Amino acid sequence: MTIRDDIRMQPFQGFINRKIARKQQWELLSMSLETGAVFPEHHSPVKAWLVVIQGALDFHMEGKVYALETQDFIEIPARIAHCVTARENSKFLVIR
């Protein structure tokens, strides 16, 4: 199965997080959120990027809300608390 197949077949059931690739210096996570689901507040030990593959998300960081839609991306600084809420069924990648 390819990475594309893995992402396409990932269901919308609450919040799902899968590590789909990893190298020594980075990893690629595929995530899905069904409408209204929340990826709770957390932080990453390293800088990361979130790329929306499908859907619409509200990304909360440092008291601001960023409305993201398909093909949008945001850089997430290391050690900064953030959370994500799905406005509709959504799939996104996190690269860190």
N, C-alpha and C. Protein backbone atom coordinates (compact mmCIF):
# COMPACT_ATOMS: atom_id res chain seq x y z
N MET A 1 0.85 -1.17 0.00
CA MET A 1 0.00 0.00 0.00
C MET A 1 0.90 1.24 0.00
N THR A 2 0.50 2.27 -0.73
CA THR A 2 1.26 3.51 -0.80
C THR A 2 0.80 4.47 0.29
N ILE A 3 1.58 5.52 0.51
CA ILE A 3 1.18 6.56 1.46
C ILE A 3 -0.15 7.17 1.02
N ARG A 4 -0.31 7.39 -0.28
CA ARG A 4 -1.56 7.94 -0.81
C ARG A 4 -2.75 7.05 -0.44
N ASP A 5 -2.60 5.74 -0.61
CA ASP A 5 -3.67 4.81 -0.26
C ASP A 5 -3.97 4.85 1.23
N ASP A 6 -2.92 4.90 2.04
CA ASP A 6 -3.09 4.93 3.49
C ASP A 6 -3.90 6.15 3.91
N ILE A 7 -3.59 7.31 3.36
CA ILE A 7 -4.31 8.53 3.69
C ILE A 7 -5.75 8.45 3.19
N ARG A 8 -5.93 8.01 1.96
CA ARG A 8 -7.27 7.94 1.37
C ARG A 8 -8.18 7.00 2.15
N MET A 9 -7.65 5.89 2.63
CA MET A 9 -8.46 4.88 3.32
C MET A 9 -8.65 5.18 4.81
N GLN A 10 -7.96 6.15 5.35
CA GLN A 10 -8.09 6.48 6.77
C GLN A 10 -9.50 6.98 7.05
N PRO A 11 -10.23 6.36 7.98
CA PRO A 11 -11.63 6.74 8.22
C PRO A 11 -11.77 8.02 9.05
N PHE A 12 -12.97 8.55 9.08
CA PHE A 12 -13.32 9.66 9.96
C PHE A 12 -14.05 9.06 11.16
N GLN A 13 -13.35 8.89 12.26
CA GLN A 13 -13.92 8.34 13.49
C GLN A 13 -13.28 9.06 14.65
N GLY A 14 -13.89 10.16 15.09
CA GLY A 14 -13.29 10.95 16.15
C GLY A 14 -11.96 11.51 15.68
N PHE A 15 -10.89 11.12 16.38
CA PHE A 15 -9.54 11.56 16.02
C PHE A 15 -8.68 10.33 15.79
N ILE A 16 -8.04 10.26 14.63
CA ILE A 16 -7.14 9.15 14.31
C ILE A 16 -5.78 9.73 13.93
N ASN A 17 -4.72 9.15 14.48
CA ASN A 17 -3.35 9.61 14.27
C ASN A 17 -2.51 8.40 13.88
N ARG A 18 -1.88 8.45 12.68
CA ARG A 18 -1.04 7.35 12.22
C ARG A 18 0.32 7.88 11.77
N LYS A 19 1.38 7.24 12.20
CA LYS A 19 2.71 7.56 11.68
C LYS A 19 2.87 6.77 10.39
N ILE A 20 3.03 7.48 9.25
CA ILE A 20 3.08 6.78 7.97
C ILE A 20 4.47 6.75 7.36
N ALA A 21 5.38 7.56 7.87
CA ALA A 21 6.76 7.52 7.38
C ALA A 21 7.67 8.12 8.44
N ARG A 22 8.88 7.60 8.49
CA ARG A 22 9.84 8.14 9.46
C ARG A 22 11.25 7.92 8.93
N LYS A 23 12.04 8.95 9.05
CA LYS A 23 13.46 8.89 8.75
C LYS A 23 14.19 9.37 10.00
N GLN A 24 15.49 9.36 9.96
CA GLN A 24 16.26 9.73 11.14
C GLN A 24 15.94 11.15 11.62
N GLN A 25 15.70 12.08 10.71
CA GLN A 25 15.54 13.49 11.10
C GLN A 25 14.11 14.01 10.99
N TRP A 26 13.15 13.21 10.55
CA TRP A 26 11.77 13.68 10.43
C TRP A 26 10.80 12.51 10.48
N GLU A 27 9.53 12.86 10.71
CA GLU A 27 8.46 11.86 10.61
C GLU A 27 7.24 12.51 9.98
N LEU A 28 6.41 11.69 9.36
CA LEU A 28 5.20 12.14 8.69
C LEU A 28 4.02 11.45 9.35
N LEU A 29 3.09 12.25 9.87
CA LEU A 29 1.90 11.73 10.54
C LEU A 29 0.68 12.05 9.70
N SER A 30 -0.20 11.08 9.55
CA SER A 30 -1.47 11.27 8.86
C SER A 30 -2.56 11.28 9.92
N MET A 31 -3.38 12.33 9.92
CA MET A 31 -4.41 12.47 10.94
C MET A 31 -5.75 12.73 10.29
N SER A 32 -6.80 12.26 10.95
CA SER A 32 -8.15 12.58 10.49
C SER A 32 -8.99 12.94 11.70
N LEU A 33 -9.88 13.90 11.49
CA LEU A 33 -10.83 14.33 12.51
C LEU A 33 -12.21 14.38 11.88
N GLU A 34 -13.20 13.78 12.55
CA GLU A 34 -14.54 13.92 12.02
C GLU A 34 -15.12 15.25 12.50
N THR A 35 -16.13 15.74 11.83
CA THR A 35 -16.73 17.04 12.14
C THR A 35 -16.98 17.18 13.63
N GLY A 36 -16.50 18.28 14.21
CA GLY A 36 -16.70 18.56 15.63
C GLY A 36 -15.68 17.93 16.56
N ALA A 37 -14.88 17.00 16.07
CA ALA A 37 -13.87 16.34 16.92
C ALA A 37 -12.71 17.28 17.18
N VAL A 38 -12.02 17.04 18.30
CA VAL A 38 -10.92 17.89 18.73
C VAL A 38 -9.66 17.05 18.93
N PHE A 39 -8.55 17.55 18.42
CA PHE A 39 -7.23 17.03 18.75
C PHE A 39 -6.80 17.89 19.93
N PRO A 40 -6.81 17.35 21.16
CA PRO A 40 -6.64 18.16 22.37
C PRO A 40 -5.32 18.94 22.42
N GLU A 41 -5.30 19.92 23.29
CA GLU A 41 -4.11 20.77 23.42
C GLU A 41 -2.89 19.92 23.77
N HIS A 42 -1.80 20.23 23.11
CA HIS A 42 -0.53 19.53 23.28
C HIS A 42 0.57 20.42 22.72
N HIS A 43 1.80 19.95 22.74
CA HIS A 43 2.90 20.68 22.10
C HIS A 43 3.87 19.66 21.51
N SER A 44 4.63 20.12 20.55
CA SER A 44 5.64 19.28 19.90
C SER A 44 7.02 19.70 20.40
N PRO A 45 7.90 18.76 20.64
CA PRO A 45 9.25 19.12 21.09
C PRO A 45 10.09 19.77 19.99
N VAL A 46 9.63 19.64 18.74
CA VAL A 46 10.36 20.22 17.59
C VAL A 46 9.38 20.99 16.71
N LYS A 47 9.93 21.89 15.88
CA LYS A 47 9.09 22.61 14.93
C LYS A 47 8.39 21.62 14.00
N ALA A 48 7.14 21.94 13.64
CA ALA A 48 6.36 21.06 12.77
C ALA A 48 5.55 21.90 11.78
N TRP A 49 5.03 21.22 10.78
CA TRP A 49 4.13 21.86 9.80
C TRP A 49 2.88 21.00 9.68
N LEU A 50 1.73 21.64 9.66
CA LEU A 50 0.46 20.97 9.44
C LEU A 50 -0.03 21.37 8.05
N VAL A 51 -0.40 20.37 7.24
CA VAL A 51 -0.89 20.60 5.88
C VAL A 51 -2.27 19.95 5.76
N VAL A 52 -3.28 20.74 5.41
CA VAL A 52 -4.64 20.22 5.28
C VAL A 52 -4.78 19.54 3.91
N ILE A 53 -5.15 18.28 3.92
CA ILE A 53 -5.34 17.50 2.70
C ILE A 53 -6.79 17.57 2.25
N GLN A 54 -7.70 17.58 3.22
CA GLN A 54 -9.13 17.57 2.92
C GLN A 54 -9.86 18.18 4.10
N GLY A 55 -10.86 19.02 3.84
CA GLY A 55 -11.73 19.51 4.90
C GLY A 55 -11.42 20.91 5.37
N ALA A 56 -11.86 21.20 6.61
CA ALA A 56 -11.70 22.53 7.20
C ALA A 56 -11.46 22.38 8.70
N LEU A 57 -10.43 23.07 9.19
CA LEU A 57 -10.01 22.98 10.59
C LEU A 57 -9.91 24.36 11.21
N ASP A 58 -10.09 24.43 12.52
CA ASP A 58 -9.71 25.61 13.30
C ASP A 58 -8.48 25.21 14.10
N PHE A 59 -7.39 25.91 13.88
CA PHE A 59 -6.13 25.64 14.56
C PHE A 59 -5.95 26.72 15.62
N HIS A 60 -5.86 26.32 16.88
CA HIS A 60 -5.77 27.25 18.01
C HIS A 60 -4.34 27.27 18.53
N MET A 61 -3.75 28.49 18.59
CA MET A 61 -2.37 28.62 19.09
C MET A 61 -2.18 30.04 19.62
N GLU A 62 -1.65 30.14 20.83
CA GLU A 62 -1.31 31.42 21.45
C GLU A 62 -2.46 32.42 21.43
N GLY A 63 -3.67 31.94 21.77
CA GLY A 63 -4.84 32.81 21.87
C GLY A 63 -5.46 33.20 20.55
N LYS A 64 -4.97 32.66 19.44
CA LYS A 64 -5.52 32.98 18.12
C LYS A 64 -6.11 31.72 17.50
N VAL A 65 -7.07 31.92 16.60
CA VAL A 65 -7.67 30.81 15.85
C VAL A 65 -7.39 31.04 14.37
N TYR A 66 -6.82 30.05 13.73
CA TYR A 66 -6.50 30.11 12.31
C TYR A 66 -7.44 29.15 11.58
N ALA A 67 -8.26 29.70 10.68
CA ALA A 67 -9.18 28.88 9.88
C ALA A 67 -8.40 28.32 8.70
N LEU A 68 -8.26 27.01 8.65
CA LEU A 68 -7.51 26.34 7.60
C LEU A 68 -8.44 25.47 6.76
N GLU A 69 -8.20 25.44 5.47
CA GLU A 69 -8.99 24.61 4.56
C GLU A 69 -8.04 23.83 3.65
N THR A 70 -8.60 23.01 2.79
CA THR A 70 -7.82 22.15 1.90
C THR A 70 -6.69 22.93 1.24
N GLN A 71 -5.49 22.39 1.31
CA GLN A 71 -4.24 22.90 0.77
C GLN A 71 -3.62 24.04 1.58
N ASP A 72 -4.23 24.44 2.69
CA ASP A 72 -3.60 25.42 3.58
C ASP A 72 -2.58 24.70 4.46
N PHE A 73 -1.61 25.47 4.97
CA PHE A 73 -0.65 24.90 5.91
C PHE A 73 -0.29 25.96 6.94
N ILE A 74 0.25 25.48 8.06
CA ILE A 74 0.70 26.38 9.12
C ILE A 74 1.95 25.80 9.75
N GLU A 75 2.88 26.68 10.09
CA GLU A 75 4.10 26.26 10.80
C GLU A 75 3.80 26.31 12.30
N ILE A 76 4.21 25.28 13.00
CA ILE A 76 3.97 25.17 14.44
C ILE A 76 5.32 25.21 15.15
N PRO A 77 5.60 26.29 15.90
CA PRO A 77 6.87 26.36 16.61
C PRO A 77 6.99 25.26 17.68
N ALA A 78 8.20 24.87 17.99
CA ALA A 78 8.45 23.88 19.04
C ALA A 78 7.96 24.41 20.38
N ARG A 79 7.44 23.50 21.19
CA ARG A 79 7.06 23.76 22.58
C ARG A 79 5.98 24.83 22.75
N ILE A 80 5.14 25.06 21.74
CA ILE A 80 4.03 26.01 21.84
C ILE A 80 2.74 25.19 21.88
N ALA A 81 1.93 25.41 22.92
CA ALA A 81 0.66 24.68 23.05
C ALA A 81 -0.28 25.04 21.91
N HIS A 82 -0.96 24.03 21.39
CA HIS A 82 -1.93 24.22 20.32
C HIS A 82 -2.93 23.07 20.32
N CYS A 83 -4.08 23.29 19.67
CA CYS A 83 -5.07 22.23 19.49
C CYS A 83 -5.78 22.47 18.16
N VAL A 84 -6.53 21.45 17.71
CA VAL A 84 -7.19 21.51 16.41
C VAL A 84 -8.63 21.02 16.56
N THR A 85 -9.57 21.74 15.95
CA THR A 85 -10.98 21.36 15.91
C THR A 85 -11.41 21.25 14.46
N ALA A 86 -12.16 20.20 14.13
CA ALA A 86 -12.62 20.01 12.75
C ALA A 86 -13.96 20.70 12.54
N ARG A 87 -14.02 21.60 11.55
CA ARG A 87 -15.29 22.21 11.16
C ARG A 87 -16.07 21.29 10.23
N GLU A 88 -15.35 20.38 9.57
CA GLU A 88 -15.96 19.34 8.74
C GLU A 88 -15.00 18.15 8.74
N ASN A 89 -15.43 17.01 8.25
CA ASN A 89 -14.53 15.86 8.18
C ASN A 89 -13.24 16.29 7.50
N SER A 90 -12.11 16.03 8.15
CA SER A 90 -10.83 16.56 7.67
C SER A 90 -9.71 15.54 7.79
N LYS A 91 -8.78 15.64 6.83
CA LYS A 91 -7.54 14.86 6.87
C LYS A 91 -6.39 15.84 6.72
N PHE A 92 -5.33 15.61 7.50
CA PHE A 92 -4.18 16.50 7.43
C PHE A 92 -2.91 15.74 7.75
N LEU A 93 -1.80 16.30 7.30
CA LEU A 93 -0.49 15.75 7.57
C LEU A 93 0.24 16.65 8.55
N VAL A 94 1.03 16.05 9.40
CA VAL A 94 1.95 16.79 10.25
C VAL A 94 3.35 16.26 9.93
N ILE A 95 4.22 17.20 9.59
CA ILE A 95 5.60 16.87 9.27
C ILE A 95 6.46 17.48 10.38
N ARG A 96 7.25 16.63 11.02
CA ARG A 96 8.12 17.15 12.09
C ARG A 96 9.40 16.36 12.16
